[in-house]
Amino acid sequence: MSACHHQAHSTRMASLLESGKYSDLTITCRGREFHVHRNILCSASKFFAAACDGQFKEAQTARIDLSDDDPAALQRMLSYVYTADYDDKDSADEKEEEKSPKAQTCCFSFGNEQNSAGSTPSKPEMNSHRTNQEPARFSLAQPVSNNAASTSPSPEGNAHKANHEPAKFSFAQAVLNNALVYALAEKYDIQDLKVIAKDKFGHRSAFSFLWDIDNVISVLEVVYNTTPTIDRGLRDIAAQIGSQHIDASSGKALDKPRFQELVSKDGALALDILAQTHATKRSLDSEVQTKEELLKKARETQESLRDELNSAEEQEEEEQQVLKDLISGARSCPICTEDLTVSLVKATNKQVYLTCRSCKGSLLRLLAQ
């Protein structure tokens, strides 16, 4: 499929998700409704396939409540399911939703979901790939403004529109958004989405050492609160971000109370940052050693070339002396053995070129006096 055809297909699928036309399943999340299509969603996620195929209440009512999830992250997950991509930049609507009291907490659970009225269905076989990890419930508190009015969901389809100024792009916020999408991809078993979210997370965090310490801490909190210990997809990158920021700030980050509180509460995070710092030091030591070895070889090569040059100069001096002696004492040409009679061919750059007049053989090249 050409890029043009792929773009056209993605546009049609995005329009289908936004309009909710022909939908046969409704997902609710903190006042928002997403009208989706079972065949599309269930083909991408075994979790939703089990929910729609089983004897759960959700399969009978064609409604699934995911109020424990972040609406914006859920929107991005659905966008990927329909179009194979998602936008990790904040929209103006998301800025408003962050002010809403409904967006206070974003919770994730692994392997211990309970099926009840209005809750997310779960089956043991759906979580079999997580049997070796500890059950845990992670929550992420988001900033709330008491002075902000709650945002109302759009009544038509999945469109959530408002007249806002474009949101200012933030790399740190994009990284947080990708971390939340990664967590949902793990929770709902969409493995290819995890790969995309990880790639976007790594790309957006390339210059994280320039971030403010609060942004770094927020990223660490999200990653370590929304991923299981055995999932190293984002944790290694996040720990590297923390380690780089400590180094870039000359250790000043360690003086921040919020950072101290974070690492004191999460031993896994502290250990990972320590491991990344040690790995970075080993890498730098290895790089320094390599450069020292290269410098040593360069010096040895320089000495060798100097010795060769000195040897060549000495050899040239010896040859010149031999030629001078030959001119002063020789009576016959060493090439044709006739009586030696020489003629000047040319003289350039203080060098004289002589030939034998009898055989025209090149005899001498000596420095002009």
Protein backbone atom coordinates (compact mmCIF):
# COMPACT_ATOMS: atom_id res chain seq x y z
CA MET A 1 0.00 0.00 0.00
CA SER A 2 1.38 3.38 -1.00
CA ALA A 3 1.79 6.18 1.52
CA CYS A 4 -1.05 8.07 -0.16
CA HIS A 5 -3.44 5.11 0.09
CA HIS A 6 -2.38 4.44 3.70
CA GLN A 7 -3.08 8.07 4.61
CA ALA A 8 -6.50 7.93 2.96
CA HIS A 9 -7.36 4.72 4.81
CA SER A 10 -6.21 6.19 8.15
CA THR A 11 -8.30 9.29 7.54
CA ARG A 12 -11.41 7.21 6.89
CA MET A 13 -10.82 5.10 9.99
CA ALA A 14 -10.22 8.19 12.13
CA SER A 15 -13.45 9.67 10.84
CA LEU A 16 -15.27 6.44 11.68
CA LEU A 17 -13.97 6.56 15.25
CA GLU A 18 -14.77 10.23 15.69
CA SER A 19 -18.31 10.00 14.34
CA GLY A 20 -19.14 6.67 15.97
CA LYS A 21 -21.23 5.78 12.94
CA TYR A 22 -22.28 2.10 12.74
CA SER A 23 -20.80 1.54 16.23
CA ASP A 24 -22.05 -1.39 18.32
CA LEU A 25 -20.15 -0.86 21.58
CA THR A 26 -19.92 2.11 23.94
CA ILE A 27 -16.97 2.76 26.24
CA THR A 28 -17.51 5.25 29.05
CA CYS A 29 -14.70 7.00 30.89
CA ARG A 30 -15.23 9.80 33.41
CA GLY A 31 -18.17 11.37 31.64
CA ARG A 32 -16.90 10.75 28.12
CA GLU A 33 -18.33 8.21 25.73
CA PHE A 34 -16.49 6.46 22.91
CA HIS A 35 -18.70 4.76 20.34
CA VAL A 36 -16.58 1.99 18.86
CA HIS A 37 -16.89 -1.09 16.68
CA ARG A 38 -16.45 -4.52 18.24
CA ASN A 39 -14.84 -6.13 15.21
CA ILE A 40 -12.11 -3.47 15.12
CA LEU A 41 -11.48 -3.24 18.87
CA CYS A 42 -11.67 -6.97 19.62
CA SER A 43 -9.34 -7.87 16.76
CA ALA A 44 -6.68 -5.65 18.37
CA SER A 45 -7.17 -6.64 22.02
CA LYS A 46 -7.74 -10.06 23.55
CA PHE A 47 -8.99 -8.30 26.65
CA PHE A 48 -11.91 -6.64 24.87
CA ALA A 49 -12.51 -9.76 22.79
CA ALA A 50 -13.02 -11.75 26.00
CA ALA A 51 -15.24 -9.03 27.43
CA CYS A 52 -17.49 -9.01 24.37
CA ASP A 53 -17.53 -12.77 23.81
CA GLY A 54 -18.02 -13.87 27.42
CA GLN A 55 -20.96 -13.88 29.83
CA PHE A 56 -20.08 -10.55 31.36
CA LYS A 57 -22.62 -7.81 31.83
CA GLU A 58 -20.68 -5.70 29.36
CA ALA A 59 -21.27 -8.24 26.59
CA GLN A 60 -25.01 -8.07 27.19
CA THR A 61 -25.34 -4.30 27.54
CA ALA A 62 -22.74 -3.38 24.89
CA ARG A 63 -21.30 -0.88 27.37
CA ILE A 64 -17.92 -1.00 29.11
CA ASP A 65 -16.98 1.43 31.85
CA LEU A 66 -13.28 2.30 32.04
CA SER A 67 -13.48 5.11 34.58
CA ASP A 68 -10.21 3.97 36.18
CA ASP A 69 -8.36 5.02 33.03
CA ASP A 70 -7.25 8.40 31.76
CA PRO A 71 -9.67 9.60 29.02
CA ALA A 72 -6.94 11.20 26.90
CA ALA A 73 -4.78 8.07 27.04
CA LEU A 74 -7.83 5.96 26.19
CA GLN A 75 -8.54 8.22 23.21
CA ARG A 76 -4.97 7.70 21.98
CA MET A 77 -5.24 3.95 22.43
CA LEU A 78 -8.42 3.84 20.36
CA SER A 79 -6.85 6.10 17.75
CA TYR A 80 -4.05 3.59 17.36
CA VAL A 81 -6.46 0.67 17.14
CA TYR A 82 -8.24 2.40 14.25
CA THR A 83 -5.37 4.14 12.42
CA ALA A 84 -2.16 2.38 13.61
CA ASP A 85 -0.89 5.64 15.10
CA TYR A 86 -1.76 8.32 17.63
CA ASP A 87 -0.84 11.92 18.42
CA ASP A 88 1.07 12.28 21.67
CA LYS A 89 0.70 16.06 21.82
CA ASP A 90 -1.81 17.60 24.21
CA SER A 91 -4.93 19.15 22.71
CA ALA A 92 -6.67 22.19 24.13
CA ASP A 93 -9.47 19.92 25.34
CA GLU A 94 -7.03 17.90 27.41
CA LYS A 95 -5.80 21.07 29.09
CA GLU A 96 -9.36 21.75 30.16
CA GLU A 97 -9.93 18.16 31.30
CA GLU A 98 -6.88 18.34 33.57
CA LYS A 99 -8.71 21.09 35.47
CA SER A 100 -11.82 18.95 35.91
CA PRO A 101 -12.38 17.24 39.30
CA LYS A 102 -13.22 14.09 37.32
CA ALA A 103 -9.60 13.78 36.18
CA GLN A 104 -8.00 13.58 39.59
CA THR A 105 -6.76 10.02 39.50
CA CYS A 106 -5.58 7.62 36.86
CA CYS A 107 -5.46 4.04 38.13
CA PHE A 108 -3.94 0.92 36.63
CA SER A 109 -4.18 -2.63 37.88
CA PHE A 110 -2.43 -5.78 36.79
CA GLY A 111 -3.95 -9.23 37.18
CA ASN A 112 -6.39 -8.35 39.96
CA GLU A 113 -9.34 -6.69 38.23
CA GLN A 114 -12.71 -7.61 39.67
CA ASN A 115 -15.82 -8.02 37.56
CA SER A 116 -18.79 -6.11 38.94
CA ALA A 117 -21.51 -3.86 37.65
CA GLY A 118 -19.88 -1.09 35.70
CA SER A 119 -16.36 -2.41 36.21
CA THR A 120 -13.81 -3.60 33.70
CA PRO A 121 -14.11 -7.36 33.03
CA SER A 122 -11.14 -9.61 33.57
CA LYS A 123 -10.45 -13.30 33.13
CA PRO A 124 -7.51 -15.34 34.45
CA GLU A 125 -6.47 -16.51 30.97
CA MET A 126 -6.31 -12.91 29.79
CA ASN A 127 -3.67 -12.13 32.38
CA SER A 128 -1.68 -15.36 32.11
CA HIS A 129 1.32 -13.47 30.80
CA ARG A 130 1.49 -11.62 34.12
CA THR A 131 1.34 -14.55 36.52
CA ASN A 132 4.92 -14.08 37.73
CA GLN A 133 4.47 -10.49 38.81
CA GLU A 134 3.05 -9.23 42.04
CA PRO A 135 -0.55 -7.97 42.06
CA ALA A 136 -0.59 -4.24 42.52
CA ARG A 137 -2.79 -1.25 41.99
CA PHE A 138 -1.05 1.84 40.76
CA SER A 139 -2.48 5.34 40.85
CA LEU A 140 -1.28 8.62 39.41
CA ALA A 141 -2.52 11.82 40.95
CA GLN A 142 -2.95 14.67 38.47
CA PRO A 143 -3.06 18.38 39.28
CA VAL A 144 -6.54 19.71 40.02
CA SER A 145 -7.73 23.28 40.04
CA ASN A 146 -10.72 23.95 42.29
CA ASN A 147 -11.53 27.10 40.38
CA ALA A 148 -11.96 25.35 37.07
CA ALA A 149 -15.30 24.23 35.79
CA SER A 150 -15.88 20.65 34.85
CA THR A 151 -15.73 19.88 31.14
CA SER A 152 -18.88 18.33 29.66
CA PRO A 153 -18.58 15.50 27.18
CA SER A 154 -19.67 16.05 23.61
CA PRO A 155 -23.13 14.58 22.99
CA GLU A 156 -22.41 13.58 19.39
CA GLY A 157 -20.35 10.46 18.78
CA ASN A 158 -16.73 10.56 19.92
CA ALA A 159 -16.15 14.16 18.91
CA HIS A 160 -14.99 16.28 21.83
CA LYS A 161 -14.73 19.79 20.43
CA ALA A 162 -14.29 23.21 21.96
CA ASN A 163 -13.05 26.63 20.91
CA HIS A 164 -9.70 26.82 22.65
CA GLU A 165 -6.34 28.29 21.80
CA PRO A 166 -3.81 25.68 20.59
CA ALA A 167 -2.03 24.07 23.52
CA LYS A 168 1.67 24.84 23.85
CA PHE A 169 3.69 21.76 23.00
CA SER A 170 5.76 20.23 25.78
CA PHE A 171 8.20 17.36 25.22
CA ALA A 172 7.89 16.38 28.88
CA GLN A 173 4.09 16.22 28.63
CA ALA A 174 4.34 14.19 25.43
CA VAL A 175 6.58 11.73 27.25
CA LEU A 176 3.99 11.46 30.03
CA ASN A 177 1.24 10.88 27.47
CA ASN A 178 3.23 8.07 25.86
CA ALA A 179 3.85 6.48 29.24
CA LEU A 180 0.10 6.43 29.95
CA VAL A 181 -0.60 4.91 26.53
CA TYR A 182 2.06 2.27 27.18
CA ALA A 183 0.37 1.40 30.47
CA LEU A 184 -3.01 0.98 28.76
CA ALA A 185 -1.43 -1.15 26.04
CA GLU A 186 -0.07 -3.44 28.76
CA LYS A 187 -3.34 -3.46 30.65
CA TYR A 188 -5.46 -4.33 27.61
CA ASP A 189 -2.87 -6.58 25.96
CA ILE A 190 -2.14 -4.58 22.79
CA GLN A 191 1.49 -5.52 22.36
CA ASP A 192 2.13 -3.67 19.09
CA LEU A 193 0.89 -0.46 20.72
CA LYS A 194 3.47 -0.95 23.48
CA VAL A 195 6.20 -0.94 20.83
CA ILE A 196 4.90 2.30 19.28
CA ALA A 197 4.45 3.99 22.68
CA LYS A 198 7.97 2.98 23.73
CA ASP A 199 9.46 4.38 20.52
CA LYS A 200 7.61 7.67 20.94
CA PHE A 201 8.58 7.79 24.62
CA GLY A 202 12.27 7.34 23.78
CA HIS A 203 12.16 9.83 20.91
CA ARG A 204 10.50 12.58 22.96
CA SER A 205 12.91 12.11 25.88
CA ALA A 206 16.09 12.56 23.81
CA PHE A 207 16.87 15.91 25.45
CA SER A 208 15.38 15.17 28.85
CA PHE A 209 18.57 16.31 30.60
CA LEU A 210 17.45 19.87 29.76
CA TRP A 211 14.11 19.47 31.55
CA ASP A 212 13.18 20.98 34.87
CA ILE A 213 13.57 18.51 37.75
CA ASP A 214 9.79 18.53 38.36
CA ASN A 215 9.18 17.25 34.82
CA VAL A 216 11.73 14.48 35.34
CA ILE A 217 10.10 13.47 38.61
CA SER A 218 6.66 13.42 36.98
CA VAL A 219 7.92 11.08 34.26
CA LEU A 220 9.54 8.78 36.82
CA GLU A 221 6.35 8.71 38.89
CA VAL A 222 4.17 7.84 35.91
CA VAL A 223 6.45 5.10 34.58
CA TYR A 224 7.11 3.43 37.92
CA ASN A 225 3.47 3.74 39.05
CA THR A 226 1.94 2.35 35.86
CA THR A 227 4.24 -0.50 34.81
CA PRO A 228 4.97 -3.81 36.54
CA THR A 229 8.48 -4.47 37.82
CA ILE A 230 9.25 -7.13 35.22
CA ASP A 231 8.35 -4.83 32.30
CA ARG A 232 11.58 -3.04 31.40
CA GLY A 233 10.15 -1.33 28.30
CA LEU A 234 9.99 2.18 29.79
CA ARG A 235 11.70 1.69 33.13
CA ASP A 236 15.21 1.49 31.69
CA ILE A 237 14.65 4.66 29.67
CA ALA A 238 13.10 6.47 32.64
CA ALA A 239 15.93 5.43 34.96
CA GLN A 240 18.41 6.70 32.38
CA ILE A 241 16.54 10.02 32.30
CA GLY A 242 16.84 10.26 36.09
CA SER A 243 20.52 9.34 36.02
CA GLN A 244 21.31 11.83 33.23
CA HIS A 245 19.48 14.62 35.05
CA ILE A 246 21.42 13.96 38.24
CA ASP A 247 24.65 14.15 36.25
CA ALA A 248 23.57 17.22 34.23
CA SER A 249 22.58 19.07 37.40
CA SER A 250 25.88 18.14 39.09
CA GLY A 251 23.95 16.25 41.74
CA LYS A 252 21.66 19.17 42.63
CA ALA A 253 18.62 17.04 41.77
CA LEU A 254 19.43 14.89 44.79
CA ASP A 255 18.80 17.91 47.03
CA LYS A 256 15.20 18.25 45.87
CA PRO A 257 12.77 17.03 48.60
CA ARG A 258 10.34 15.69 45.99
CA PHE A 259 13.06 13.65 44.34
CA GLN A 260 14.30 12.36 47.71
CA GLU A 261 10.77 11.34 48.67
CA LEU A 262 10.27 9.53 45.36
CA VAL A 263 13.41 7.41 45.52
CA SER A 264 12.96 6.69 49.22
CA LYS A 265 9.47 5.29 48.56
CA ASP A 266 10.38 3.29 45.46
CA GLY A 267 13.39 1.07 46.04
CA ALA A 268 13.18 -0.32 42.49
CA LEU A 269 13.52 3.19 41.06
CA ALA A 270 16.49 4.00 43.30
CA LEU A 271 18.18 0.75 42.30
CA ASP A 272 17.54 1.32 38.60
CA ILE A 273 18.94 4.87 38.71
CA LEU A 274 21.99 3.57 40.57
CA ALA A 275 22.46 0.82 37.97
CA GLN A 276 22.13 3.32 35.11
CA THR A 277 24.61 5.67 36.77
CA HIS A 278 27.09 2.82 37.21
CA ALA A 279 26.57 1.69 33.59
CA THR A 280 27.14 5.25 32.38
CA LYS A 281 30.33 5.50 34.42
CA ARG A 282 31.58 2.19 33.05
CA SER A 283 30.79 3.35 29.54
CA LEU A 284 32.65 6.62 30.08
CA ASP A 285 35.63 4.80 31.61
CA SER A 286 35.69 2.45 28.63
CA GLU A 287 35.49 5.39 26.25
CA VAL A 288 38.34 7.17 28.02
CA GLN A 289 40.43 3.99 27.93
CA THR A 290 39.74 3.58 24.22
CA LYS A 291 40.74 7.17 23.52
CA GLU A 292 43.92 6.77 25.55
CA GLU A 293 44.81 3.65 23.57
CA LEU A 294 44.15 5.47 20.30
CA LEU A 295 46.29 8.39 21.45
CA LYS A 296 49.09 6.01 22.39
CA LYS A 297 48.93 4.36 18.97
CA ALA A 298 48.94 7.78 17.30
CA ARG A 299 52.06 8.77 19.22
CA GLU A 300 53.74 5.49 18.33
CA THR A 301 52.85 6.04 14.67
CA GLN A 302 54.22 9.57 14.85
CA GLU A 303 57.49 8.34 16.32
CA SER A 304 57.70 5.62 13.67
CA LEU A 305 57.16 8.13 10.87
CA ARG A 306 59.74 10.47 12.38
CA ASP A 307 62.27 7.62 12.50
CA GLU A 308 61.50 6.69 8.89
CA LEU A 309 61.94 10.33 7.81
CA ASN A 310 65.26 10.60 9.63
CA SER A 311 66.39 7.33 8.09
CA ALA A 312 65.37 8.53 4.62
CA GLU A 313 67.25 11.79 5.10
CA GLU A 314 70.36 9.94 6.23
CA GLN A 315 70.14 7.59 3.27
CA GLU A 316 69.75 10.50 0.87
CA GLU A 317 72.80 12.20 2.34
CA GLU A 318 74.80 9.02 1.91
CA GLU A 319 73.68 8.67 -1.72
CA GLN A 320 74.57 12.26 -2.44
CA GLN A 321 78.01 11.76 -0.98
CA VAL A 322 78.52 8.64 -3.12
CA LEU A 323 77.46 10.55 -6.21
CA LYS A 324 79.79 13.39 -5.40
CA ASP A 325 82.64 10.93 -4.97
CA LEU A 326 81.69 9.28 -8.28
CA ILE A 327 81.82 12.57 -10.16
CA SER A 328 85.16 13.53 -8.70
CA GLY A 329 86.90 10.16 -9.16
CA ALA A 330 85.10 8.08 -11.78
CA ARG A 331 86.63 7.79 -15.31
CA SER A 332 83.96 5.57 -16.91
CA CYS A 333 80.17 5.44 -16.89
CA PRO A 334 78.90 2.72 -14.54
CA ILE A 335 76.15 1.95 -17.09
CA CYS A 336 77.91 1.80 -20.48
CA THR A 337 81.56 1.68 -19.25
CA GLU A 338 82.53 4.33 -21.81
CA ASP A 339 84.63 7.27 -20.82
CA LEU A 340 82.51 9.30 -18.43
CA THR A 341 81.22 12.49 -19.91
CA VAL A 342 78.18 14.02 -18.26
CA SER A 343 75.72 16.66 -19.38
CA LEU A 344 73.23 18.78 -17.41
CA VAL A 345 69.62 17.86 -18.08
CA LYS A 346 67.86 20.29 -15.71
CA ALA A 347 68.21 21.97 -12.38
CA THR A 348 65.14 22.65 -10.24
CA ASN A 349 64.53 23.20 -6.52
CA LYS A 350 68.27 23.17 -5.90
CA GLN A 351 68.60 19.72 -7.48
CA VAL A 352 70.83 18.83 -10.45
CA TYR A 353 69.99 15.99 -12.86
CA LEU A 354 72.91 14.58 -14.93
CA THR A 355 73.07 11.97 -17.71
CA CYS A 356 75.84 10.12 -19.48
CA ARG A 357 76.42 11.64 -22.95
CA SER A 358 77.32 8.26 -24.41
CA CYS A 359 74.39 6.08 -23.23
CA LYS A 360 71.98 8.83 -22.17
CA GLY A 361 71.49 6.95 -18.92
CA SER A 362 70.42 8.89 -15.85
CA LEU A 363 73.35 8.97 -13.50
CA LEU A 364 73.17 11.57 -10.81
CA ARG A 365 70.83 13.65 -8.75
CA LEU A 366 72.56 15.74 -6.15
CA LEU A 367 71.99 18.96 -4.30
CA ALA A 368 73.39 21.99 -6.01
CA GLN A 369 76.17 23.66 -4.04
